[in-house]
Amino acid sequence: TTFYPSLPDAPRIQFLTSITSEEDIGVERNRFREFVTGKSDSIMALARPWDLDHTNGRLYVSDKTFRRIVIVDLENKRMELVDNRAGGSLLNPGGIFVDAAGYKFIADRERGEILVFDQMDAFFRVYEAGPEFKPIDVVAFGDRVFAADGGTESMRIFDRSSGAVIE
């Protein structure tokens, strides 16, 4: 068992497990089918995870290699990708925040936008603040959306409803 920090300091965090692929959450490959057909079952795996948040038994992981949000559904033991079509195509997903209603806010530095996906993981809207805006992380609180801006090394604040930049 691994704890952090190590003794003699009082431990505060315990390492339990890691999740890299569907096999780590209980998905079993059908080895017999693989043998008969000569094709291996497709097992999804994380490639370059960057950030994560969670809600309702699901982890939402931004993956820089896939340029997508990977959903790790712990209850149903499966991994899938958030549909990023219809304006929600991610280029460089970074920080991710999931609010209490299930909306996902993703900072995309390359797009220069905060993308939002709804409770059904469908593209919902974007927040933008001009060509110098390079968001690296995001959090929504109340009627505001806060973004750490790597382009100007400052914090940008948006009105959640209108999308207008407040600061």
N, C-alpha and C. Protein backbone atom coordinates (compact mmCIF):
# COMPACT_ATOMS: atom_id res chain seq x y z
N THR A 1 0.84 -1.18 0.00
CA THR A 1 0.00 0.00 0.00
C THR A 1 0.88 1.23 0.00
N THR A 2 0.54 2.20 -0.84
CA THR A 2 1.32 3.42 -0.97
C THR A 2 0.54 4.59 -0.40
N PHE A 3 1.20 5.36 0.46
CA PHE A 3 0.62 6.56 1.04
C PHE A 3 1.47 7.75 0.70
N TYR A 4 0.83 8.93 0.69
CA TYR A 4 1.56 10.18 0.51
C TYR A 4 1.09 11.17 1.55
N PRO A 5 1.93 11.92 2.18
CA PRO A 5 3.39 11.78 2.17
C PRO A 5 3.82 10.53 2.94
N SER A 6 5.04 10.13 2.72
CA SER A 6 5.55 8.93 3.39
C SER A 6 5.92 9.26 4.83
N LEU A 7 6.07 8.21 5.62
CA LEU A 7 6.45 8.38 7.02
C LEU A 7 7.81 9.08 7.12
N PRO A 8 8.06 9.89 8.07
CA PRO A 8 7.34 10.03 9.34
C PRO A 8 6.19 11.03 9.29
N ASP A 9 5.96 11.71 8.14
CA ASP A 9 4.83 12.63 8.05
C ASP A 9 3.51 11.86 8.10
N ALA A 10 2.47 12.52 8.58
CA ALA A 10 1.16 11.88 8.65
C ALA A 10 0.60 11.70 7.24
N PRO A 11 0.28 10.44 6.83
CA PRO A 11 -0.25 10.22 5.47
C PRO A 11 -1.62 10.84 5.30
N ARG A 12 -1.85 11.43 4.12
CA ARG A 12 -3.13 12.08 3.82
C ARG A 12 -3.78 11.49 2.57
N ILE A 13 -2.99 10.86 1.70
CA ILE A 13 -3.51 10.32 0.44
C ILE A 13 -3.05 8.87 0.32
N GLN A 14 -3.96 8.00 -0.10
CA GLN A 14 -3.61 6.61 -0.33
C GLN A 14 -3.83 6.27 -1.79
N PHE A 15 -2.81 5.70 -2.45
CA PHE A 15 -2.95 5.23 -3.82
C PHE A 15 -3.75 3.93 -3.81
N LEU A 16 -4.83 3.89 -4.58
CA LEU A 16 -5.67 2.70 -4.63
C LEU A 16 -5.48 1.93 -5.93
N THR A 17 -5.59 2.62 -7.07
CA THR A 17 -5.47 1.94 -8.36
C THR A 17 -5.24 2.97 -9.45
N SER A 18 -4.95 2.51 -10.62
CA SER A 18 -4.84 3.39 -11.78
C SER A 18 -5.77 2.86 -12.86
N ILE A 19 -6.21 3.77 -13.72
CA ILE A 19 -7.07 3.38 -14.84
C ILE A 19 -6.38 3.83 -16.11
N THR A 20 -6.06 2.87 -16.95
CA THR A 20 -5.45 3.16 -18.23
C THR A 20 -6.34 2.71 -19.38
N SER A 21 -7.02 1.58 -19.19
CA SER A 21 -7.85 1.04 -20.26
C SER A 21 -9.13 0.46 -19.68
N GLU A 22 -9.99 0.00 -20.58
CA GLU A 22 -11.25 -0.62 -20.17
C GLU A 22 -11.01 -1.87 -19.31
N GLU A 23 -9.91 -2.54 -19.54
CA GLU A 23 -9.61 -3.73 -18.73
C GLU A 23 -9.45 -3.37 -17.26
N ASP A 24 -8.97 -2.15 -16.97
CA ASP A 24 -8.78 -1.71 -15.59
C ASP A 24 -10.09 -1.45 -14.87
N ILE A 25 -11.20 -1.30 -15.61
CA ILE A 25 -12.51 -1.07 -14.97
C ILE A 25 -13.41 -2.29 -15.08
N GLY A 26 -12.86 -3.41 -15.54
CA GLY A 26 -13.62 -4.66 -15.52
C GLY A 26 -14.09 -5.19 -16.85
N VAL A 27 -13.75 -4.53 -17.97
CA VAL A 27 -14.14 -5.04 -19.28
C VAL A 27 -13.21 -6.20 -19.63
N GLU A 28 -13.80 -7.32 -19.95
CA GLU A 28 -13.01 -8.50 -20.28
C GLU A 28 -12.98 -8.72 -21.78
N ARG A 29 -11.81 -9.03 -22.26
CA ARG A 29 -11.67 -9.35 -23.68
C ARG A 29 -12.17 -10.76 -23.92
N ASN A 30 -12.75 -11.00 -25.09
CA ASN A 30 -13.22 -12.32 -25.46
C ASN A 30 -12.09 -13.01 -26.22
N ARG A 31 -11.25 -13.70 -25.48
CA ARG A 31 -10.06 -14.35 -26.06
C ARG A 31 -10.45 -15.45 -27.06
N PHE A 32 -11.56 -16.14 -26.81
CA PHE A 32 -12.00 -17.18 -27.73
C PHE A 32 -12.38 -16.57 -29.08
N ARG A 33 -13.17 -15.48 -29.06
CA ARG A 33 -13.55 -14.81 -30.31
C ARG A 33 -12.30 -14.30 -31.04
N GLU A 34 -11.35 -13.76 -30.29
CA GLU A 34 -10.10 -13.29 -30.91
C GLU A 34 -9.37 -14.44 -31.59
N PHE A 35 -9.34 -15.61 -30.95
CA PHE A 35 -8.66 -16.77 -31.50
C PHE A 35 -9.36 -17.26 -32.78
N VAL A 36 -10.69 -17.36 -32.75
CA VAL A 36 -11.46 -17.87 -33.88
C VAL A 36 -11.43 -16.91 -35.07
N THR A 37 -11.63 -15.63 -34.80
CA THR A 37 -11.70 -14.66 -35.90
C THR A 37 -10.35 -14.09 -36.30
N GLY A 38 -9.38 -14.20 -35.41
CA GLY A 38 -8.06 -13.62 -35.70
C GLY A 38 -8.01 -12.11 -35.48
N LYS A 39 -9.12 -11.56 -34.99
CA LYS A 39 -9.18 -10.12 -34.72
C LYS A 39 -9.26 -9.91 -33.21
N SER A 40 -8.52 -8.94 -32.72
CA SER A 40 -8.59 -8.67 -31.29
C SER A 40 -9.73 -7.71 -31.00
N ASP A 41 -10.34 -7.90 -29.83
CA ASP A 41 -11.38 -6.99 -29.39
C ASP A 41 -10.77 -5.60 -29.21
N SER A 42 -11.51 -4.61 -29.57
CA SER A 42 -11.05 -3.23 -29.42
C SER A 42 -11.23 -2.81 -27.97
N ILE A 43 -10.14 -2.54 -27.30
CA ILE A 43 -10.17 -2.09 -25.92
C ILE A 43 -9.71 -0.64 -25.91
N MET A 44 -10.57 0.25 -25.45
CA MET A 44 -10.21 1.65 -25.40
C MET A 44 -9.24 1.89 -24.25
N ALA A 45 -8.30 2.79 -24.48
CA ALA A 45 -7.32 3.13 -23.45
C ALA A 45 -7.02 4.62 -23.52
N LEU A 46 -6.66 5.17 -22.39
CA LEU A 46 -6.22 6.56 -22.35
C LEU A 46 -4.83 6.64 -22.97
N ALA A 47 -4.54 7.73 -23.66
CA ALA A 47 -3.24 7.88 -24.30
C ALA A 47 -2.40 8.93 -23.57
N ARG A 48 -2.93 10.14 -23.45
CA ARG A 48 -2.21 11.22 -22.78
C ARG A 48 -3.21 12.05 -21.97
N PRO A 49 -3.67 11.49 -20.84
CA PRO A 49 -4.66 12.21 -20.03
C PRO A 49 -4.05 13.46 -19.44
N TRP A 50 -4.86 14.52 -19.37
CA TRP A 50 -4.37 15.80 -18.89
C TRP A 50 -5.07 16.26 -17.61
N ASP A 51 -6.39 16.17 -17.59
CA ASP A 51 -7.15 16.62 -16.43
C ASP A 51 -8.41 15.77 -16.34
N LEU A 52 -9.06 15.80 -15.16
CA LEU A 52 -10.30 15.04 -15.02
C LEU A 52 -11.21 15.70 -14.00
N ASP A 53 -12.48 15.38 -14.14
CA ASP A 53 -13.49 15.73 -13.16
C ASP A 53 -14.51 14.59 -13.18
N HIS A 54 -15.48 14.62 -12.29
CA HIS A 54 -16.41 13.50 -12.19
C HIS A 54 -17.81 13.97 -11.82
N THR A 55 -18.77 13.13 -12.14
CA THR A 55 -20.15 13.29 -11.70
C THR A 55 -20.89 11.98 -11.94
N ASN A 56 -21.76 11.63 -11.03
CA ASN A 56 -22.66 10.48 -11.17
C ASN A 56 -21.96 9.19 -11.62
N GLY A 57 -20.87 8.83 -10.99
CA GLY A 57 -20.19 7.57 -11.32
C GLY A 57 -19.42 7.59 -12.62
N ARG A 58 -19.21 8.77 -13.18
CA ARG A 58 -18.47 8.88 -14.44
C ARG A 58 -17.29 9.83 -14.26
N LEU A 59 -16.15 9.44 -14.80
CA LEU A 59 -14.99 10.31 -14.86
C LEU A 59 -14.93 10.91 -16.26
N TYR A 60 -14.64 12.21 -16.35
CA TYR A 60 -14.45 12.88 -17.63
C TYR A 60 -12.99 13.28 -17.71
N VAL A 61 -12.27 12.71 -18.67
CA VAL A 61 -10.83 12.89 -18.76
C VAL A 61 -10.50 13.58 -20.08
N SER A 62 -9.77 14.71 -20.01
CA SER A 62 -9.31 15.35 -21.25
C SER A 62 -8.04 14.62 -21.69
N ASP A 63 -8.03 14.17 -22.93
CA ASP A 63 -6.91 13.42 -23.48
C ASP A 63 -6.32 14.19 -24.66
N LYS A 64 -5.06 14.57 -24.54
CA LYS A 64 -4.43 15.41 -25.56
C LYS A 64 -4.09 14.64 -26.83
N THR A 65 -3.89 13.34 -26.76
CA THR A 65 -3.60 12.56 -27.97
C THR A 65 -4.86 12.38 -28.80
N PHE A 66 -5.96 11.97 -28.15
CA PHE A 66 -7.23 11.79 -28.86
C PHE A 66 -7.86 13.13 -29.23
N ARG A 67 -7.46 14.20 -28.53
CA ARG A 67 -8.09 15.52 -28.69
C ARG A 67 -9.58 15.42 -28.43
N ARG A 68 -9.90 14.66 -27.39
CA ARG A 68 -11.29 14.40 -27.04
C ARG A 68 -11.41 14.30 -25.53
N ILE A 69 -12.64 14.22 -25.08
CA ILE A 69 -12.95 13.94 -23.68
C ILE A 69 -13.36 12.47 -23.62
N VAL A 70 -12.67 11.71 -22.78
CA VAL A 70 -12.95 10.30 -22.59
C VAL A 70 -13.83 10.16 -21.36
N ILE A 71 -14.94 9.45 -21.52
CA ILE A 71 -15.83 9.18 -20.39
C ILE A 71 -15.49 7.79 -19.86
N VAL A 72 -15.14 7.73 -18.59
CA VAL A 72 -14.90 6.46 -17.92
C VAL A 72 -16.12 6.21 -17.04
N ASP A 73 -17.00 5.33 -17.51
CA ASP A 73 -18.23 5.03 -16.80
C ASP A 73 -17.96 3.86 -15.85
N LEU A 74 -17.77 4.17 -14.58
CA LEU A 74 -17.38 3.15 -13.61
C LEU A 74 -18.53 2.20 -13.28
N GLU A 75 -19.77 2.69 -13.30
CA GLU A 75 -20.91 1.85 -12.98
C GLU A 75 -21.20 0.83 -14.07
N ASN A 76 -21.15 1.26 -15.33
CA ASN A 76 -21.45 0.38 -16.45
C ASN A 76 -20.21 -0.26 -17.06
N LYS A 77 -19.06 0.02 -16.49
CA LYS A 77 -17.77 -0.57 -16.90
C LYS A 77 -17.52 -0.42 -18.39
N ARG A 78 -17.43 0.86 -18.82
CA ARG A 78 -17.11 1.11 -20.22
C ARG A 78 -16.45 2.48 -20.36
N MET A 79 -15.78 2.65 -21.46
CA MET A 79 -15.16 3.93 -21.80
C MET A 79 -15.69 4.34 -23.16
N GLU A 80 -15.97 5.63 -23.31
CA GLU A 80 -16.43 6.15 -24.59
C GLU A 80 -15.96 7.58 -24.74
N LEU A 81 -16.14 8.13 -25.91
CA LEU A 81 -15.70 9.49 -26.19
C LEU A 81 -16.89 10.44 -26.26
N VAL A 82 -16.71 11.66 -25.76
CA VAL A 82 -17.75 12.69 -25.90
C VAL A 82 -17.82 13.07 -27.37
N ASP A 83 -19.05 13.14 -27.89
CA ASP A 83 -19.26 13.54 -29.28
C ASP A 83 -18.89 15.01 -29.43
N ASN A 84 -17.84 15.27 -30.19
CA ASN A 84 -17.37 16.66 -30.29
C ASN A 84 -17.65 17.27 -31.66
N ARG A 85 -18.65 16.76 -32.35
CA ARG A 85 -19.03 17.35 -33.63
C ARG A 85 -19.89 18.58 -33.40
N ALA A 86 -20.40 19.15 -34.44
CA ALA A 86 -21.34 20.28 -34.38
C ALA A 86 -20.75 21.47 -33.65
N GLY A 87 -19.53 21.84 -33.99
CA GLY A 87 -18.91 23.02 -33.40
C GLY A 87 -18.07 22.73 -32.18
N GLY A 88 -18.13 21.52 -31.66
CA GLY A 88 -17.42 21.20 -30.43
C GLY A 88 -16.14 20.43 -30.63
N SER A 89 -15.53 20.53 -31.81
CA SER A 89 -14.31 19.79 -32.08
C SER A 89 -13.15 20.37 -31.27
N LEU A 90 -12.56 19.55 -30.43
CA LEU A 90 -11.45 19.99 -29.58
C LEU A 90 -10.13 19.87 -30.33
N LEU A 91 -9.24 20.83 -30.11
CA LEU A 91 -7.90 20.80 -30.70
C LEU A 91 -6.83 20.50 -29.67
N ASN A 92 -6.97 21.08 -28.48
CA ASN A 92 -5.98 20.89 -27.42
C ASN A 92 -6.69 20.98 -26.07
N PRO A 93 -7.47 19.94 -25.72
CA PRO A 93 -8.23 20.01 -24.47
C PRO A 93 -7.32 20.02 -23.25
N GLY A 94 -7.61 20.92 -22.34
CA GLY A 94 -6.82 21.03 -21.12
C GLY A 94 -7.69 20.78 -19.92
N GLY A 95 -7.83 21.83 -19.07
CA GLY A 95 -8.62 21.70 -17.86
C GLY A 95 -10.08 21.43 -18.16
N ILE A 96 -10.69 20.64 -17.29
CA ILE A 96 -12.10 20.31 -17.45
C ILE A 96 -12.80 20.48 -16.10
N PHE A 97 -14.02 20.99 -16.15
CA PHE A 97 -14.84 21.17 -14.95
C PHE A 97 -16.25 20.70 -15.26
N VAL A 98 -16.81 19.89 -14.37
CA VAL A 98 -18.19 19.42 -14.51
C VAL A 98 -19.00 20.04 -13.38
N ASP A 99 -20.06 20.78 -13.74
CA ASP A 99 -20.87 21.42 -12.70
C ASP A 99 -21.92 20.45 -12.15
N ALA A 100 -22.65 20.90 -11.15
CA ALA A 100 -23.64 20.05 -10.48
C ALA A 100 -24.76 19.59 -11.41
N ALA A 101 -25.05 20.37 -12.45
CA ALA A 101 -26.10 20.00 -13.41
C ALA A 101 -25.58 19.05 -14.50
N GLY A 102 -24.29 18.79 -14.52
CA GLY A 102 -23.72 17.87 -15.51
C GLY A 102 -23.16 18.53 -16.75
N TYR A 103 -23.07 19.86 -16.78
CA TYR A 103 -22.45 20.55 -17.91
C TYR A 103 -20.93 20.45 -17.79
N LYS A 104 -20.27 20.15 -18.91
CA LYS A 104 -18.82 20.01 -18.94
C LYS A 104 -18.20 21.24 -19.59
N PHE A 105 -17.27 21.88 -18.90
CA PHE A 105 -16.55 23.05 -19.39
C PHE A 105 -15.13 22.61 -19.67
N ILE A 106 -14.65 22.81 -20.91
CA ILE A 106 -13.32 22.37 -21.31
C ILE A 106 -12.53 23.56 -21.85
N ALA A 107 -11.36 23.77 -21.28
CA ALA A 107 -10.46 24.82 -21.76
C ALA A 107 -9.67 24.26 -22.94
N ASP A 108 -9.74 24.93 -24.08
CA ASP A 108 -8.99 24.50 -25.27
C ASP A 108 -8.06 25.64 -25.68
N ARG A 109 -6.78 25.48 -25.34
CA ARG A 109 -5.79 26.53 -25.59
C ARG A 109 -5.63 26.82 -27.08
N GLU A 110 -5.60 25.78 -27.89
CA GLU A 110 -5.38 25.98 -29.32
C GLU A 110 -6.56 26.67 -29.99
N ARG A 111 -7.76 26.33 -29.62
CA ARG A 111 -8.95 27.01 -30.16
C ARG A 111 -9.11 28.41 -29.57
N GLY A 112 -8.55 28.63 -28.38
CA GLY A 112 -8.72 29.91 -27.70
C GLY A 112 -10.14 30.09 -27.20
N GLU A 113 -10.73 28.98 -26.73
CA GLU A 113 -12.13 29.01 -26.30
C GLU A 113 -12.35 28.05 -25.13
N ILE A 114 -13.42 28.32 -24.41
CA ILE A 114 -13.96 27.38 -23.43
C ILE A 114 -15.15 26.73 -24.12
N LEU A 115 -15.13 25.43 -24.27
CA LEU A 115 -16.25 24.71 -24.88
C LEU A 115 -17.09 24.08 -23.79
N VAL A 116 -18.39 24.07 -24.01
CA VAL A 116 -19.32 23.52 -23.02
C VAL A 116 -20.14 22.42 -23.68
N PHE A 117 -20.26 21.30 -22.97
CA PHE A 117 -21.09 20.17 -23.39
C PHE A 117 -22.17 19.98 -22.34
N ASP A 118 -23.37 19.62 -22.77
CA ASP A 118 -24.50 19.53 -21.86
C ASP A 118 -24.53 18.20 -21.09
N GLN A 119 -25.64 17.96 -20.39
CA GLN A 119 -25.77 16.76 -19.56
C GLN A 119 -25.74 15.48 -20.38
N MET A 120 -26.11 15.57 -21.65
CA MET A 120 -26.11 14.40 -22.53
C MET A 120 -24.80 14.30 -23.31
N ASP A 121 -23.81 15.10 -22.94
CA ASP A 121 -22.48 15.12 -23.55
C ASP A 121 -22.49 15.61 -24.99
N ALA A 122 -23.47 16.42 -25.35
CA ALA A 122 -23.55 17.03 -26.68
C ALA A 122 -23.03 18.46 -26.59
N PHE A 123 -22.43 18.94 -27.68
CA PHE A 123 -21.90 20.30 -27.71
C PHE A 123 -23.01 21.29 -27.41
N PHE A 124 -22.72 22.29 -26.56
CA PHE A 124 -23.73 23.25 -26.13
C PHE A 124 -23.38 24.68 -26.53
N ARG A 125 -22.16 25.16 -26.20
CA ARG A 125 -21.78 26.55 -26.51
C ARG A 125 -20.29 26.76 -26.30
N VAL A 126 -19.81 27.96 -26.67
CA VAL A 126 -18.42 28.35 -26.42
C VAL A 126 -18.37 29.70 -25.73
N TYR A 127 -17.28 29.92 -25.01
CA TYR A 127 -16.94 31.23 -24.45
C TYR A 127 -15.61 31.61 -25.08
N GLU A 128 -15.52 32.85 -25.58
CA GLU A 128 -14.28 33.31 -26.20
C GLU A 128 -14.00 34.74 -25.78
N ALA A 129 -12.70 35.11 -25.84
CA ALA A 129 -12.31 36.45 -25.38
C ALA A 129 -11.24 37.06 -26.27
N GLY A 130 -11.28 36.80 -27.56
CA GLY A 130 -10.34 37.42 -28.47
C GLY A 130 -9.14 36.55 -28.80
N PRO A 131 -8.30 37.04 -29.73
CA PRO A 131 -7.20 36.22 -30.25
C PRO A 131 -6.09 35.91 -29.25
N GLU A 132 -5.93 36.71 -28.21
CA GLU A 132 -4.89 36.47 -27.22
C GLU A 132 -5.31 35.48 -26.14
N PHE A 133 -6.59 35.09 -26.14
CA PHE A 133 -7.13 34.21 -25.11
C PHE A 133 -6.65 32.78 -25.34
N LYS A 134 -5.91 32.23 -24.38
CA LYS A 134 -5.39 30.86 -24.44
C LYS A 134 -5.72 30.16 -23.12
N PRO A 135 -6.97 29.69 -22.96
CA PRO A 135 -7.38 29.10 -21.67
C PRO A 135 -6.66 27.78 -21.39
N ILE A 136 -6.24 27.63 -20.14
CA ILE A 136 -5.58 26.39 -19.74
C ILE A 136 -6.37 25.62 -18.68
N ASP A 137 -7.25 26.33 -17.97
CA ASP A 137 -8.12 25.67 -17.00
C ASP A 137 -9.38 26.50 -16.82
N VAL A 138 -10.41 25.88 -16.27
CA VAL A 138 -11.72 26.54 -16.18
C VAL A 138 -12.48 26.01 -14.98
N VAL A 139 -13.31 26.88 -14.40
CA VAL A 139 -14.25 26.47 -13.36
C VAL A 139 -15.48 27.37 -13.47
N ALA A 140 -16.66 26.79 -13.27
CA ALA A 140 -17.90 27.56 -13.27
C ALA A 140 -18.40 27.62 -11.84
N PHE A 141 -18.81 28.82 -11.44
CA PHE A 141 -19.33 29.00 -10.08
C PHE A 141 -20.43 30.04 -10.14
N GLY A 142 -21.63 29.62 -9.74
CA GLY A 142 -22.76 30.54 -9.78
C GLY A 142 -23.04 30.99 -11.20
N ASP A 143 -23.14 32.30 -11.40
CA ASP A 143 -23.43 32.82 -12.74
C ASP A 143 -22.16 33.29 -13.47
N ARG A 144 -21.01 32.78 -13.03
CA ARG A 144 -19.73 33.16 -13.64
C ARG A 144 -18.95 31.93 -14.10
N VAL A 145 -18.14 32.12 -15.13
CA VAL A 145 -17.21 31.11 -15.60
C VAL A 145 -15.82 31.74 -15.51
N PHE A 146 -14.93 31.09 -14.78
CA PHE A 146 -13.58 31.60 -14.56
C PHE A 146 -12.59 30.77 -15.37
N ALA A 147 -11.70 31.44 -16.09
CA ALA A 147 -10.72 30.74 -16.92
C ALA A 147 -9.33 31.28 -16.65
N ALA A 148 -8.37 30.37 -16.44
CA ALA A 148 -6.97 30.75 -16.35
C ALA A 148 -6.48 30.93 -17.77
N ASP A 149 -5.99 32.14 -18.10
CA ASP A 149 -5.57 32.48 -19.45
C ASP A 149 -4.05 32.42 -19.55
N GLY A 150 -3.54 31.42 -20.24
CA GLY A 150 -2.10 31.27 -20.42
C GLY A 150 -1.53 32.27 -21.40
N GLY A 151 -2.36 32.84 -22.26
CA GLY A 151 -1.89 33.82 -23.24
C GLY A 151 -1.52 35.15 -22.61
N THR A 152 -2.35 35.60 -21.68
CA THR A 152 -2.10 36.89 -21.02
C THR A 152 -1.67 36.71 -19.57
N GLU A 153 -1.55 35.45 -19.14
CA GLU A 153 -1.18 35.14 -17.76
C GLU A 153 -2.08 35.88 -16.77
N SER A 154 -3.38 35.75 -17.00
CA SER A 154 -4.37 36.41 -16.16
C SER A 154 -5.59 35.51 -16.03
N MET A 155 -6.57 35.99 -15.29
CA MET A 155 -7.83 35.28 -15.13
C MET A 155 -8.90 36.01 -15.94
N ARG A 156 -9.66 35.27 -16.72
CA ARG A 156 -10.79 35.84 -17.45
C ARG A 156 -12.07 35.39 -16.78
N ILE A 157 -13.01 36.30 -16.65
CA ILE A 157 -14.30 35.98 -16.03
C ILE A 157 -15.40 36.27 -17.05
N PHE A 158 -16.27 35.28 -17.25
CA PHE A 158 -17.37 35.40 -18.19
C PHE A 158 -18.70 35.37 -17.45
N ASP A 159 -19.69 36.07 -18.00
CA ASP A 159 -21.05 35.91 -17.55
C ASP A 159 -21.55 34.59 -18.11
N ARG A 160 -22.02 33.73 -17.25
CA ARG A 160 -22.39 32.37 -17.69
C ARG A 160 -23.54 32.38 -18.71
N SER A 161 -24.49 33.25 -18.55
CA SER A 161 -25.65 33.28 -19.44
C SER A 161 -25.34 33.89 -20.80
N SER A 162 -24.75 35.08 -20.80
CA SER A 162 -24.53 35.81 -22.06
C SER A 162 -23.22 35.44 -22.73
N GLY A 163 -22.24 34.98 -21.96
CA GLY A 163 -20.93 34.70 -22.52
C GLY A 163 -20.03 35.93 -22.59
N ALA A 164 -20.53 37.07 -22.14
CA ALA A 164 -19.76 38.31 -22.18
C ALA A 164 -18.60 38.26 -21.20
N VAL A 165 -17.47 38.83 -21.61
CA VAL A 165 -16.31 38.93 -20.73
C VAL A 165 -16.57 40.00 -19.69
N ILE A 166 -16.44 39.64 -18.43
CA ILE A 166 -16.64 40.60 -17.34
C ILE A 166 -15.32 41.24 -16.96
N GLU A 167 -14.28 40.45 -16.87
CA GLU A 167 -12.94 40.96 -16.54
C GLU A 167 -11.92 40.25 -17.38
